[in-house]
């Protein structure tokens, strides 16, 4: 059984910062990729940032230079530091991990945490 527990969302003014955390618990396999997606009202879920087991990162163009994804492999936790937040960053943010289990990869999602940026 895989569980992802997210924390750190909330309400912040434009220009402010928030830090999201997502702690994973699982019984088998190893984490390959960890990351964050977001979904704004009326829009599709979109990639925000990912980080793989070699700590290579990938960012959406809209957040480059403002957001930083990191991971603590020992704690099985991924973080998203969000700076210079804009109203258009308002969305539900979902943590995701890809577990490698016997040569196959499986994706799992957190329950989502709301981030609201006021203008």
PDB file of N, CA and C in Angstrom:
ATOM      1  N   UNK A   1       0.857  -1.196   0.000  1.00  0.00           N
ATOM      2  CA  UNK A   1       0.000   0.000   0.000  1.00  0.00           C
ATOM      3  C   UNK A   1       0.887   1.238   0.000  1.00  0.00           C
ATOM      4  N   UNK A   2       0.520   2.208  -0.817  1.00  0.00           N
ATOM      5  CA  UNK A   2       1.300   3.434  -0.949  1.00  0.00           C
ATOM      6  C   UNK A   2       0.473   4.602  -0.425  1.00  0.00           C
ATOM      7  N   UNK A   3       1.094   5.405   0.392  1.00  0.00           N
ATOM      8  CA  UNK A   3       0.444   6.621   0.888  1.00  0.00           C
ATOM      9  C   UNK A   3       1.329   7.820   0.641  1.00  0.00           C
ATOM     10  N   UNK A   4       0.706   8.896   0.205  1.00  0.00           N
ATOM     11  CA  UNK A   4       1.399  10.171   0.026  1.00  0.00           C
ATOM     12  C   UNK A   4       0.674  11.206   0.872  1.00  0.00           C
ATOM     13  N   UNK A   5       1.394  11.827   1.785  1.00  0.00           N
ATOM     14  CA  UNK A   5       0.796  12.816   2.673  1.00  0.00           C
ATOM     15  C   UNK A   5       1.400  14.173   2.368  1.00  0.00           C
ATOM     16  N   UNK A   6       0.543  15.073   1.898  1.00  0.00           N
ATOM     17  CA  UNK A   6       0.981  16.410   1.508  1.00  0.00           C
ATOM     18  C   UNK A   6       0.691  17.415   2.618  1.00  0.00           C
ATOM     19  N   UNK A   7       1.498  18.458   2.659  1.00  0.00           N
ATOM     20  CA  UNK A   7       1.260  19.539   3.606  1.00  0.00           C
ATOM     21  C   UNK A   7       1.887  20.815   3.065  1.00  0.00           C
ATOM     22  N   UNK A   8       1.463  21.947   3.627  1.00  0.00           N
ATOM     23  CA  UNK A   8       2.099  23.209   3.306  1.00  0.00           C
ATOM     24  C   UNK A   8       1.293  24.158   2.443  1.00  0.00           C
ATOM     25  N   UNK A   9       0.149  23.739   1.954  1.00  0.00           N
ATOM     26  CA  UNK A   9      -0.659  24.643   1.149  1.00  0.00           C
ATOM     27  C   UNK A   9      -1.286  25.721   1.999  1.00  0.00           C
ATOM     28  N   UNK A  10      -1.925  26.686   1.336  1.00  0.00           N
ATOM     29  CA  UNK A  10      -2.581  27.746   2.075  1.00  0.00           C
ATOM     30  C   UNK A  10      -2.826  28.971   1.229  1.00  0.00           C
ATOM     31  N   UNK A  11      -3.123  30.063   1.915  1.00  0.00           N
ATOM     32  CA  UNK A  11      -3.409  31.342   1.269  1.00  0.00           C
ATOM     33  C   UNK A  11      -2.222  32.280   1.469  1.00  0.00           C
ATOM     34  N   UNK A  12      -1.785  32.897   0.385  1.00  0.00           N
ATOM     35  CA  UNK A  12      -0.648  33.809   0.447  1.00  0.00           C
ATOM     36  C   UNK A  12      -0.881  34.952  -0.525  1.00  0.00           C
ATOM     37  N   UNK A  13      -0.317  36.094  -0.226  1.00  0.00           N
ATOM     38  CA  UNK A  13      -0.419  37.236  -1.130  1.00  0.00           C
ATOM     39  C   UNK A  13       0.568  37.097  -2.283  1.00  0.00           C
ATOM     40  N   UNK A  14       0.245  37.737  -3.378  1.00  0.00           N
ATOM     41  CA  UNK A  14       1.145  37.744  -4.522  1.00  0.00           C
ATOM     42  C   UNK A  14       2.525  38.240  -4.100  1.00  0.00           C
ATOM     43  N   UNK A  15       3.554  37.562  -4.596  1.00  0.00           N
ATOM     44  CA  UNK A  15       4.920  37.881  -4.213  1.00  0.00           C
ATOM     45  C   UNK A  15       5.426  37.090  -3.027  1.00  0.00           C
ATOM     46  N   UNK A  16       4.529  36.408  -2.357  1.00  0.00           N
ATOM     47  CA  UNK A  16       4.900  35.629  -1.183  1.00  0.00           C
ATOM     48  C   UNK A  16       5.447  34.268  -1.534  1.00  0.00           C
ATOM     49  N   UNK A  17       5.690  33.476  -0.490  1.00  0.00           N
ATOM     50  CA  UNK A  17       6.294  32.150  -0.651  1.00  0.00           C
ATOM     51  C   UNK A  17       5.516  31.103   0.132  1.00  0.00           C
ATOM     52  N   UNK A  18       5.578  29.891  -0.352  1.00  0.00           N
ATOM     53  CA  UNK A  18       5.052  28.727   0.344  1.00  0.00           C
ATOM     54  C   UNK A  18       5.977  27.550   0.071  1.00  0.00           C
ATOM     55  N   UNK A  19       5.980  26.602   1.001  1.00  0.00           N
ATOM     56  CA  UNK A  19       6.747  25.373   0.807  1.00  0.00           C
ATOM     57  C   UNK A  19       5.828  24.180   0.999  1.00  0.00           C
ATOM     58  N   UNK A  20       5.731  23.374  -0.036  1.00  0.00           N
ATOM     59  CA  UNK A  20       4.933  22.158   0.030  1.00  0.00           C
ATOM     60  C   UNK A  20       5.839  20.972   0.353  1.00  0.00           C
ATOM     61  N   UNK A  21       5.284  20.032   1.102  1.00  0.00           N
ATOM     62  CA  UNK A  21       6.002  18.801   1.413  1.00  0.00           C
ATOM     63  C   UNK A  21       5.106  17.612   1.095  1.00  0.00           C
ATOM     64  N   UNK A  22       5.724  16.509   0.749  1.00  0.00           N
ATOM     65  CA  UNK A  22       4.975  15.280   0.476  1.00  0.00           C
ATOM     66  C   UNK A  22       5.820  14.104   0.954  1.00  0.00           C
ATOM     67  N   UNK A  23       5.304  13.414   1.952  1.00  0.00           N
ATOM     68  CA  UNK A  23       6.001  12.256   2.506  1.00  0.00           C
ATOM     69  C   UNK A  23       5.359  10.975   2.003  1.00  0.00           C
ATOM     70  N   UNK A  24       6.181  10.083   1.478  1.00  0.00           N
ATOM     71  CA  UNK A  24       5.691   8.822   0.924  1.00  0.00           C
ATOM     72  C   UNK A  24       5.948   7.675   1.880  1.00  0.00           C
ATOM     73  N   UNK A  25       4.987   6.772   1.926  1.00  0.00           N
ATOM     74  CA  UNK A  25       5.197   5.517   2.660  1.00  0.00           C
ATOM     75  C   UNK A  25       4.748   4.379   1.760  1.00  0.00           C
ATOM     76  N   UNK A  26       5.566   3.318   1.731  1.00  0.00           N
ATOM     77  CA  UNK A  26       5.263   2.165   0.877  1.00  0.00           C
ATOM     78  C   UNK A  26       6.055   0.976   1.379  1.00  0.00           C
ATOM     79  N   UNK A  27       5.620  -0.206   0.970  1.00  0.00           N
ATOM     80  CA  UNK A  27       6.231  -1.402   1.527  1.00  0.00           C
ATOM     81  C   UNK A  27       7.218  -2.075   0.577  1.00  0.00           C
ATOM     82  N   UNK A  28       7.039  -1.889  -0.732  1.00  0.00           N
ATOM     83  CA  UNK A  28       7.958  -2.529  -1.675  1.00  0.00           C
ATOM     84  C   UNK A  28       8.331  -1.530  -2.768  1.00  0.00           C
ATOM     85  N   UNK A  29       9.438  -1.803  -3.453  1.00  0.00           N
ATOM     86  CA  UNK A  29       9.867  -0.987  -4.559  1.00  0.00           C
ATOM     87  C   UNK A  29      10.790   0.138  -4.137  1.00  0.00           C
ATOM     88  N   UNK A  30      11.164   0.942  -5.106  1.00  0.00           N
ATOM     89  CA  UNK A  30      12.008   2.105  -4.854  1.00  0.00           C
ATOM     90  C   UNK A  30      11.490   3.280  -5.665  1.00  0.00           C
ATOM     91  N   UNK A  31      11.675   4.463  -5.102  1.00  0.00           N
ATOM     92  CA  UNK A  31      11.158   5.657  -5.774  1.00  0.00           C
ATOM     93  C   UNK A  31      12.081   6.038  -6.925  1.00  0.00           C
ATOM     94  N   UNK A  32      11.485   6.220  -8.083  1.00  0.00           N
ATOM     95  CA  UNK A  32      12.230   6.652  -9.255  1.00  0.00           C
ATOM     96  C   UNK A  32      12.100   8.169  -9.397  1.00  0.00           C
ATOM     97  N   UNK A  33      10.889   8.611  -9.627  1.00  0.00           N
ATOM     98  CA  UNK A  33      10.641  10.042  -9.832  1.00  0.00           C
ATOM     99  C   UNK A  33       9.671  10.545  -8.767  1.00  0.00           C
ATOM    100  N   UNK A  34       9.901  11.736  -8.298  1.00  0.00           N
ATOM    101  CA  UNK A  34       8.977  12.427  -7.393  1.00  0.00           C
ATOM    102  C   UNK A  34       8.690  13.799  -7.997  1.00  0.00           C
ATOM    103  N   UNK A  35       7.509  14.307  -7.717  1.00  0.00           N
ATOM    104  CA  UNK A  35       7.237  15.617  -8.279  1.00  0.00           C
ATOM    105  C   UNK A  35       5.872  16.166  -7.924  1.00  0.00           C
ATOM    106  N   UNK A  36       5.558  17.241  -8.623  1.00  0.00           N
ATOM    107  CA  UNK A  36       4.332  17.976  -8.348  1.00  0.00           C
ATOM    108  C   UNK A  36       3.625  18.342  -9.657  1.00  0.00           C
ATOM    109  N   UNK A  37       2.313  18.201  -9.635  1.00  0.00           N
ATOM    110  CA  UNK A  37       1.428  18.683 -10.686  1.00  0.00           C
ATOM    111  C   UNK A  37       0.433  19.624 -10.025  1.00  0.00           C
ATOM    112  N   UNK A  38      -0.268  20.369 -10.831  1.00  0.00           N
ATOM    113  CA  UNK A  38      -1.314  21.250 -10.291  1.00  0.00           C
ATOM    114  C   UNK A  38      -2.494  21.301 -11.243  1.00  0.00           C
ATOM    115  N   UNK A  39      -3.643  21.621 -10.664  1.00  0.00           N
ATOM    116  CA  UNK A  39      -4.858  21.739 -11.464  1.00  0.00           C
ATOM    117  C   UNK A  39      -5.657  22.934 -10.978  1.00  0.00           C
ATOM    118  N   UNK A  40      -5.816  23.900 -11.860  1.00  0.00           N
ATOM    119  CA  UNK A  40      -6.620  25.076 -11.570  1.00  0.00           C
ATOM    120  C   UNK A  40      -8.061  24.803 -11.986  1.00  0.00           C
ATOM    121  N   UNK A  41      -9.019  25.536 -11.423  1.00  0.00           N
ATOM    122  CA  UNK A  41     -10.431  25.319 -11.782  1.00  0.00           C
ATOM    123  C   UNK A  41     -10.648  25.451 -13.282  1.00  0.00           C
ATOM    124  N   UNK A  42     -11.318  24.466 -13.864  1.00  0.00           N
ATOM    125  CA  UNK A  42     -11.629  24.507 -15.283  1.00  0.00           C
ATOM    126  C   UNK A  42     -10.476  24.181 -16.201  1.00  0.00           C
ATOM    127  N   UNK A  43      -9.349  23.779 -15.624  1.00  0.00           N
ATOM    128  CA  UNK A  43      -8.172  23.476 -16.453  1.00  0.00           C
ATOM    129  C   UNK A  43      -7.710  22.055 -16.214  1.00  0.00           C
ATOM    130  N   UNK A  44      -6.893  21.566 -17.133  1.00  0.00           N
ATOM    131  CA  UNK A  44      -6.333  20.226 -16.991  1.00  0.00           C
ATOM    132  C   UNK A  44      -5.178  20.246 -15.993  1.00  0.00           C
ATOM    133  N   UNK A  45      -4.930  19.080 -15.427  1.00  0.00           N
ATOM    134  CA  UNK A  45      -3.779  18.949 -14.544  1.00  0.00           C
ATOM    135  C   UNK A  45      -2.510  19.124 -15.362  1.00  0.00           C
ATOM    136  N   UNK A  46      -1.553  19.881 -14.806  1.00  0.00           N
ATOM    137  CA  UNK A  46      -0.328  20.160 -15.549  1.00  0.00           C
ATOM    138  C   UNK A  46       0.898  19.924 -14.677  1.00  0.00           C
ATOM    139  N   UNK A  47       1.982  19.617 -15.334  1.00  0.00           N
ATOM    140  CA  UNK A  47       3.250  19.420 -14.651  1.00  0.00           C
ATOM    141  C   UNK A  47       3.721  20.727 -14.036  1.00  0.00           C
ATOM    142  N   UNK A  48       4.246  20.638 -12.818  1.00  0.00           N
ATOM    143  CA  UNK A  48       4.916  21.776 -12.202  1.00  0.00           C
ATOM    144  C   UNK A  48       6.423  21.512 -12.171  1.00  0.00           C
ATOM    145  N   UNK A  49       6.813  20.428 -11.525  1.00  0.00           N
ATOM    146  CA  UNK A  49       8.236  20.103 -11.424  1.00  0.00           C
ATOM    147  C   UNK A  49       8.400  18.654 -11.010  1.00  0.00           C
ATOM    148  N   UNK A  50       9.472  18.041 -11.495  1.00  0.00           N
ATOM    149  CA  UNK A  50       9.809  16.687 -11.080  1.00  0.00           C
ATOM    150  C   UNK A  50      11.299  16.596 -10.783  1.00  0.00           C
ATOM    151  N   UNK A  51      11.647  15.564 -10.014  1.00  0.00           N
ATOM    152  CA  UNK A  51      13.044  15.298  -9.697  1.00  0.00           C
ATOM    153  C   UNK A  51      13.221  13.791  -9.672  1.00  0.00           C
ATOM    154  N   UNK A  52      14.263  13.289 -10.345  1.00  0.00           N
ATOM    155  CA  UNK A  52      14.433  11.842 -10.405  1.00  0.00           C
ATOM    156  C   UNK A  52      15.460  11.376  -9.381  1.00  0.00           C
ATOM    157  N   UNK A  53      15.772  10.102  -9.439  1.00  0.00           N
ATOM    158  CA  UNK A  53      16.666   9.506  -8.441  1.00  0.00           C
ATOM    159  C   UNK A  53      18.100  10.002  -8.561  1.00  0.00           C
ATOM    160  N   UNK A  54      18.421  10.638  -9.685  1.00  0.00           N
ATOM    161  CA  UNK A  54      19.740  11.242  -9.864  1.00  0.00           C
ATOM    162  C   UNK A  54      19.707  12.740  -9.566  1.00  0.00           C
ATOM    163  N   UNK A  55      18.610  13.190  -9.004  1.00  0.00           N
ATOM    164  CA  UNK A  55      18.336  14.601  -8.671  1.00  0.00           C
ATOM    165  C   UNK A  55      18.318  15.501  -9.889  1.00  0.00           C
ATOM    166  N   UNK A  56      18.028  14.928 -11.042  1.00  0.00           N
ATOM    167  CA  UNK A  56      17.818  15.755 -12.221  1.00  0.00           C
ATOM    168  C   UNK A  56      16.397  16.316 -12.144  1.00  0.00           C
ATOM    169  N   UNK A  57      16.270  17.597 -12.421  1.00  0.00           N
ATOM    170  CA  UNK A  57      14.992  18.265 -12.268  1.00  0.00           C
ATOM    171  C   UNK A  57      14.415  18.697 -13.608  1.00  0.00           C
ATOM    172  N   UNK A  58      13.106  18.854 -13.598  1.00  0.00           N
ATOM    173  CA  UNK A  58      12.390  19.314 -14.778  1.00  0.00           C
ATOM    174  C   UNK A  58      11.292  20.260 -14.300  1.00  0.00           C
ATOM    175  N   UNK A  59      11.178  21.419 -14.935  1.00  0.00           N
ATOM    176  CA  UNK A  59      10.208  22.431 -14.517  1.00  0.00           C
ATOM    177  C   UNK A  59       9.329  22.869 -15.679  1.00  0.00           C
ATOM    178  N   UNK A  60       8.102  23.228 -15.355  1.00  0.00           N
ATOM    179  CA  UNK A  60       7.266  23.913 -16.321  1.00  0.00           C
ATOM    180  C   UNK A  60       7.865  25.300 -16.562  1.00  0.00           C
ATOM    181  N   UNK A  61       7.760  25.779 -17.790  1.00  0.00           N
ATOM    182  CA  UNK A  61       8.322  27.094 -18.106  1.00  0.00           C
ATOM    183  C   UNK A  61       7.737  28.188 -17.214  1.00  0.00           C
ATOM    184  N   UNK A  62       6.482  28.037 -16.849  1.00  0.00           N
ATOM    185  CA  UNK A  62       5.795  29.079 -16.081  1.00  0.00           C
ATOM    186  C   UNK A  62       6.331  29.229 -14.659  1.00  0.00           C
ATOM    187  N   UNK A  63       7.083  28.241 -14.166  1.00  0.00           N
ATOM    188  CA  UNK A  63       7.575  28.319 -12.786  1.00  0.00           C
ATOM    189  C   UNK A  63       9.095  28.378 -12.695  1.00  0.00           C
ATOM    190  N   UNK A  64       9.775  28.263 -13.820  1.00  0.00           N
ATOM    191  CA  UNK A  64      11.238  28.293 -13.807  1.00  0.00           C
ATOM    192  C   UNK A  64      11.744  29.592 -13.198  1.00  0.00           C
ATOM    193  N   UNK A  65      12.718  29.457 -12.318  1.00  0.00           N
ATOM    194  CA  UNK A  65      13.280  30.622 -11.654  1.00  0.00           C
ATOM    195  C   UNK A  65      12.525  31.053 -10.413  1.00  0.00           C
ATOM    196  N   UNK A  66      11.338  30.496 -10.202  1.00  0.00           N
ATOM    197  CA  UNK A  66      10.547  30.857  -9.014  1.00  0.00           C
ATOM    198  C   UNK A  66      10.343  29.661  -8.079  1.00  0.00           C
ATOM    199  N   UNK A  67      10.211  28.485  -8.642  1.00  0.00           N
ATOM    200  CA  UNK A  67       9.960  27.274  -7.851  1.00  0.00           C
ATOM    201  C   UNK A  67      11.211  26.399  -7.848  1.00  0.00           C
ATOM    202  N   UNK A  68      11.393  25.688  -6.742  1.00  0.00           N
ATOM    203  CA  UNK A  68      12.499  24.745  -6.634  1.00  0.00           C
ATOM    204  C   UNK A  68      11.988  23.434  -6.046  1.00  0.00           C
ATOM    205  N   UNK A  69      12.223  22.347  -6.764  1.00  0.00           N
ATOM    206  CA  UNK A  69      11.851  21.023  -6.279  1.00  0.00           C
ATOM    207  C   UNK A  69      13.098  20.353  -5.705  1.00  0.00           C
ATOM    208  N   UNK A  70      12.909  19.646  -4.594  1.00  0.00           N
ATOM    209  CA  UNK A  70      14.018  18.927  -3.973  1.00  0.00           C
ATOM    210  C   UNK A  70      13.462  17.666  -3.309  1.00  0.00           C
ATOM    211  N   UNK A  71      14.370  16.777  -2.959  1.00  0.00           N
ATOM    212  CA  UNK A  71      13.929  15.540  -2.318  1.00  0.00           C
ATOM    213  C   UNK A  71      14.912  15.127  -1.247  1.00  0.00           C
ATOM    214  N   UNK A  72      14.373  14.469  -0.230  1.00  0.00           N
ATOM    215  CA  UNK A  72      15.178  13.844   0.809  1.00  0.00           C
ATOM    216  C   UNK A  72      14.881  12.359   0.697  1.00  0.00           C
ATOM    217  N   UNK A  73      15.786  11.629   0.052  1.00  0.00           N
ATOM    218  CA  UNK A  73      15.522  10.212  -0.215  1.00  0.00           C
ATOM    219  C   UNK A  73      15.412   9.396   1.065  1.00  0.00           C
ATOM    220  N   UNK A  74      16.193   9.747   2.058  1.00  0.00           N
ATOM    221  CA  UNK A  74      16.141   9.010   3.322  1.00  0.00           C
ATOM    222  C   UNK A  74      14.776   9.148   3.985  1.00  0.00           C
ATOM    223  N   UNK A  75      14.172  10.329   3.841  1.00  0.00           N
ATOM    224  CA  UNK A  75      12.856  10.578   4.440  1.00  0.00           C
ATOM    225  C   UNK A  75      11.725  10.286   3.461  1.00  0.00           C
ATOM    226  N   UNK A  76      12.075   9.899   2.219  1.00  0.00           N
ATOM    227  CA  UNK A  76      11.075   9.613   1.180  1.00  0.00           C
ATOM    228  C   UNK A  76      10.128  10.810   1.029  1.00  0.00           C
ATOM    229  N   UNK A  77      10.722  11.973   0.991  1.00  0.00           N
ATOM    230  CA  UNK A  77       9.942  13.205   0.965  1.00  0.00           C
ATOM    231  C   UNK A  77      10.395  14.097  -0.184  1.00  0.00           C
ATOM    232  N   UNK A  78       9.423  14.717  -0.840  1.00  0.00           N
ATOM    233  CA  UNK A  78       9.706  15.685  -1.890  1.00  0.00           C
ATOM    234  C   UNK A  78       9.147  17.031  -1.448  1.00  0.00           C
ATOM    235  N   UNK A  79       9.862  18.073  -1.816  1.00  0.00           N
ATOM    236  CA  UNK A  79       9.488  19.432  -1.423  1.00  0.00           C
ATOM    237  C   UNK A  79       9.310  20.302  -2.667  1.00  0.00           C
ATOM    238  N   UNK A  80       8.501  21.323  -2.520  1.00  0.00           N
ATOM    239  CA  UNK A  80       8.370  22.325  -3.565  1.00  0.00           C
ATOM    240  C   UNK A  80       8.408  23.694  -2.901  1.00  0.00           C
ATOM    241  N   UNK A  81       9.516  24.388  -3.082  1.00  0.00           N
ATOM    242  CA  UNK A  81       9.636  25.751  -2.576  1.00  0.00           C
ATOM    243  C   UNK A  81       9.129  26.695  -3.653  1.00  0.00           C
ATOM    244  N   UNK A  82       8.110  27.454  -3.307  1.00  0.00           N
ATOM    245  CA  UNK A  82       7.480  28.353  -4.266  1.00  0.00           C
ATOM    246  C   UNK A  82       7.693  29.786  -3.821  1.00  0.00           C
ATOM    247  N   UNK A  83       8.415  30.535  -4.615  1.00  0.00           N
ATOM    248  CA  UNK A  83       8.691  31.945  -4.338  1.00  0.00           C
ATOM    249  C   UNK A  83       8.056  32.825  -5.403  1.00  0.00           C
ATOM    250  N   UNK A  84       7.948  34.101  -5.093  1.00  0.00           N
ATOM    251  CA  UNK A  84       7.384  35.073  -6.047  1.00  0.00           C
ATOM    252  C   UNK A  84       6.066  34.563  -6.632  1.00  0.00           C
ATOM    253  N   UNK A  85       5.205  34.123  -5.757  1.00  0.00           N
ATOM    254  CA  UNK A  85       3.944  33.535  -6.202  1.00  0.00           C
ATOM    255  C   UNK A  85       3.060  34.555  -6.892  1.00  0.00           C
ATOM    256  N   UNK A  86       2.327  34.069  -7.881  1.00  0.00           N
ATOM    257  CA  UNK A  86       1.433  34.901  -8.677  1.00  0.00           C
ATOM    258  C   UNK A  86       0.000  34.359  -8.542  1.00  0.00           C
ATOM    259  N   UNK A  87      -0.995  35.192  -8.762  1.00  0.00           N
ATOM    260  CA  UNK A  87      -2.378  34.695  -8.704  1.00  0.00           C
ATOM    261  C   UNK A  87      -2.621  33.512  -9.633  1.00  0.00           C
ATOM    262  N   UNK A  88      -1.938  33.479 -10.762  1.00  0.00           N
ATOM    263  CA  UNK A  88      -2.124  32.357 -11.697  1.00  0.00           C
ATOM    264  C   UNK A  88      -1.510  31.057 -11.204  1.00  0.00           C
ATOM    265  N   UNK A  89      -0.804  31.094 -10.093  1.00  0.00           N
ATOM    266  CA  UNK A  89      -0.312  29.864  -9.470  1.00  0.00           C
ATOM    267  C   UNK A  89      -1.388  29.199  -8.607  1.00  0.00           C
ATOM    268  N   UNK A  90      -2.510  29.869  -8.435  1.00  0.00           N
ATOM    269  CA  UNK A  90      -3.599  29.309  -7.643  1.00  0.00           C
ATOM    270  C   UNK A  90      -4.095  28.005  -8.262  1.00  0.00           C
ATOM    271  N   UNK A  91      -4.099  26.945  -7.472  1.00  0.00           N
ATOM    272  CA  UNK A  91      -4.489  25.626  -7.970  1.00  0.00           C
ATOM    273  C   UNK A  91      -4.445  24.634  -6.818  1.00  0.00           C
ATOM    274  N   UNK A  92      -4.946  23.439  -7.089  1.00  0.00           N
ATOM    275  CA  UNK A  92      -4.698  22.315  -6.198  1.00  0.00           C
ATOM    276  C   UNK A  92      -3.412  21.654  -6.668  1.00  0.00           C
ATOM    277  N   UNK A  93      -2.484  21.495  -5.754  1.00  0.00           N
ATOM    278  CA  UNK A  93      -1.186  20.916  -6.075  1.00  0.00           C
ATOM    279  C   UNK A  93      -1.165  19.458  -5.624  1.00  0.00           C
ATOM    280  N   UNK A  94      -0.777  18.590  -6.544  1.00  0.00           N
ATOM    281  CA  UNK A  94      -0.756  17.150  -6.294  1.00  0.00           C
ATOM    282  C   UNK A  94       0.679  16.634  -6.311  1.00  0.00           C
ATOM    283  N   UNK A  95       1.007  15.901  -5.290  1.00  0.00           N
ATOM    284  CA  UNK A  95       2.276  15.198  -5.243  1.00  0.00           C
ATOM    285  C   UNK A  95       2.145  13.900  -6.043  1.00  0.00           C
ATOM    286  N   UNK A  96       3.224  13.512  -6.691  1.00  0.00           N
ATOM    287  CA  UNK A  96       3.224  12.248  -7.409  1.00  0.00           C
ATOM    288  C   UNK A  96       4.569  11.557  -7.244  1.00  0.00           C
ATOM    289  N   UNK A  97       4.534  10.224  -7.195  1.00  0.00           N
ATOM    290  CA  UNK A  97       5.771   9.457  -7.206  1.00  0.00           C
ATOM    291  C   UNK A  97       5.630   8.339  -8.222  1.00  0.00           C
ATOM    292  N   UNK A  98       6.751   7.919  -8.753  1.00  0.00           N
ATOM    293  CA  UNK A  98       6.799   6.735  -9.607  1.00  0.00           C
ATOM    294  C   UNK A  98       7.648   5.707  -8.879  1.00  0.00           C
ATOM    295  N   UNK A  99       7.024   4.590  -8.568  1.00  0.00           N
ATOM    296  CA  UNK A  99       7.720   3.500  -7.885  1.00  0.00           C
ATOM    297  C   UNK A  99       8.165   2.467  -8.902  1.00  0.00           C
ATOM    298  N   UNK A 100       9.405   2.040  -8.766  1.00  0.00           N
ATOM    299  CA  UNK A 100       9.899   0.934  -9.582  1.00  0.00           C
ATOM    300  C   UNK A 100       9.765  -0.347  -8.774  1.00  0.00           C
ATOM    301  N   UNK A 101       8.974  -1.263  -9.306  1.00  0.00           N
ATOM    302  CA  UNK A 101       8.726  -2.545  -8.628  1.00  0.00           C
ATOM    303  C   UNK A 101       8.958  -3.653  -9.643  1.00  0.00           C
ATOM    304  N   UNK A 102       9.973  -4.431  -9.421  1.00  0.00           N
ATOM    305  CA  UNK A 102      10.335  -5.559 -10.295  1.00  0.00           C
ATOM    306  C   UNK A 102      10.275  -5.161 -11.768  1.00  0.00           C
ATOM    307  N   UNK A 103      11.054  -4.149 -12.134  1.00  0.00           N
ATOM    308  CA  UNK A 103      11.231  -3.677 -13.510  1.00  0.00           C
ATOM    309  C   UNK A 103      10.018  -2.970 -14.104  1.00  0.00           C
ATOM    310  N   UNK A 104       8.995  -2.789 -13.340  1.00  0.00           N
ATOM    311  CA  UNK A 104       7.832  -2.023 -13.805  1.00  0.00           C
ATOM    312  C   UNK A 104       7.709  -0.742 -12.980  1.00  0.00           C
ATOM    313  N   UNK A 105       7.123   0.263 -13.601  1.00  0.00           N
ATOM    314  CA  UNK A 105       6.934   1.550 -12.928  1.00  0.00           C
ATOM    315  C   UNK A 105       5.459   1.806 -12.683  1.00  0.00           C
ATOM    316  N   UNK A 106       5.158   2.321 -11.498  1.00  0.00           N
ATOM    317  CA  UNK A 106       3.777   2.597 -11.110  1.00  0.00           C
ATOM    318  C   UNK A 106       3.707   4.010 -10.540  1.00  0.00           C
ATOM    319  N   UNK A 107       2.725   4.769 -11.010  1.00  0.00           N
ATOM    320  CA  UNK A 107       2.551   6.144 -10.543  1.00  0.00           C
ATOM    321  C   UNK A 107       1.475   6.210  -9.475  1.00  0.00           C
ATOM    322  N   UNK A 108       1.732   7.041  -8.472  1.00  0.00           N
ATOM    323  CA  UNK A 108       0.787   7.252  -7.378  1.00  0.00           C
ATOM    324  C   UNK A 108       0.630   8.741  -7.135  1.00  0.00           C
ATOM    325  N   UNK A 109      -0.554   9.103  -6.637  1.00  0.00           N
ATOM    326  CA  UNK A 109      -0.874  10.519  -6.431  1.00  0.00           C
ATOM    327  C   UNK A 109      -1.312  10.788  -4.998  1.00  0.00           C
ATOM    328  N   UNK A 110      -0.983  11.987  -4.524  1.00  0.00           N
ATOM    329  CA  UNK A 110      -1.492  12.441  -3.247  1.00  0.00           C
ATOM    330  C   UNK A 110      -2.904  12.973  -3.395  1.00  0.00           C
ATOM    331  N   UNK A 111      -3.471  13.401  -2.262  1.00  0.00           N
ATOM    332  CA  UNK A 111      -4.847  13.854  -2.262  1.00  0.00           C
ATOM    333  C   UNK A 111      -4.988  15.291  -2.735  1.00  0.00           C
ATOM    334  N   UNK A 112      -3.901  16.002  -2.796  1.00  0.00           N
ATOM    335  CA  UNK A 112      -3.918  17.389  -3.253  1.00  0.00           C
ATOM    336  C   UNK A 112      -3.954  18.372  -2.102  1.00  0.00           C
ATOM    337  N   UNK A 113      -3.311  19.500  -2.296  1.00  0.00           N
ATOM    338  CA  UNK A 113      -3.335  20.573  -1.304  1.00  0.00           C
ATOM    339  C   UNK A 113      -3.581  21.901  -2.034  1.00  0.00           C
ATOM    340  N   UNK A 114      -4.473  22.698  -1.474  1.00  0.00           N
ATOM    341  CA  UNK A 114      -4.880  23.939  -2.132  1.00  0.00           C
ATOM    342  C   UNK A 114      -3.850  25.034  -1.896  1.00  0.00           C
ATOM    343  N   UNK A 115      -3.479  25.697  -2.977  1.00  0.00           N
ATOM    344  CA  UNK A 115      -2.638  26.895  -2.904  1.00  0.00           C
ATOM    345  C   UNK A 115      -3.432  28.037  -3.529  1.00  0.00           C
ATOM    346  N   UNK A 116      -3.647  29.093  -2.761  1.00  0.00           N
ATOM    347  CA  UNK A 116      -4.390  30.244  -3.243  1.00  0.00           C
ATOM    348  C   UNK A 116      -3.517  31.482  -3.101  1.00  0.00           C
ATOM    349  N   UNK A 117      -3.330  32.185  -4.208  1.00  0.00           N
ATOM    350  CA  UNK A 117      -2.506  33.392  -4.220  1.00  0.00           C
ATOM    351  C   UNK A 117      -3.412  34.575  -4.510  1.00  0.00           C
ATOM    352  N   UNK A 118      -3.495  35.491  -3.574  1.00  0.00           N
ATOM    353  CA  UNK A 118      -4.356  36.660  -3.739  1.00  0.00           C
ATOM    354  C   UNK A 118      -3.568  37.817  -4.341  1.00  0.00           C
ATOM    355  N   UNK A 119      -4.265  38.625  -5.118  1.00  0.00           N
ATOM    356  CA  UNK A 119      -3.597  39.757  -5.793  1.00  0.00           C
ATOM    357  C   UNK A 119      -3.601  41.004  -4.923  1.00  0.00           C
TER     358      UNK A 119
END
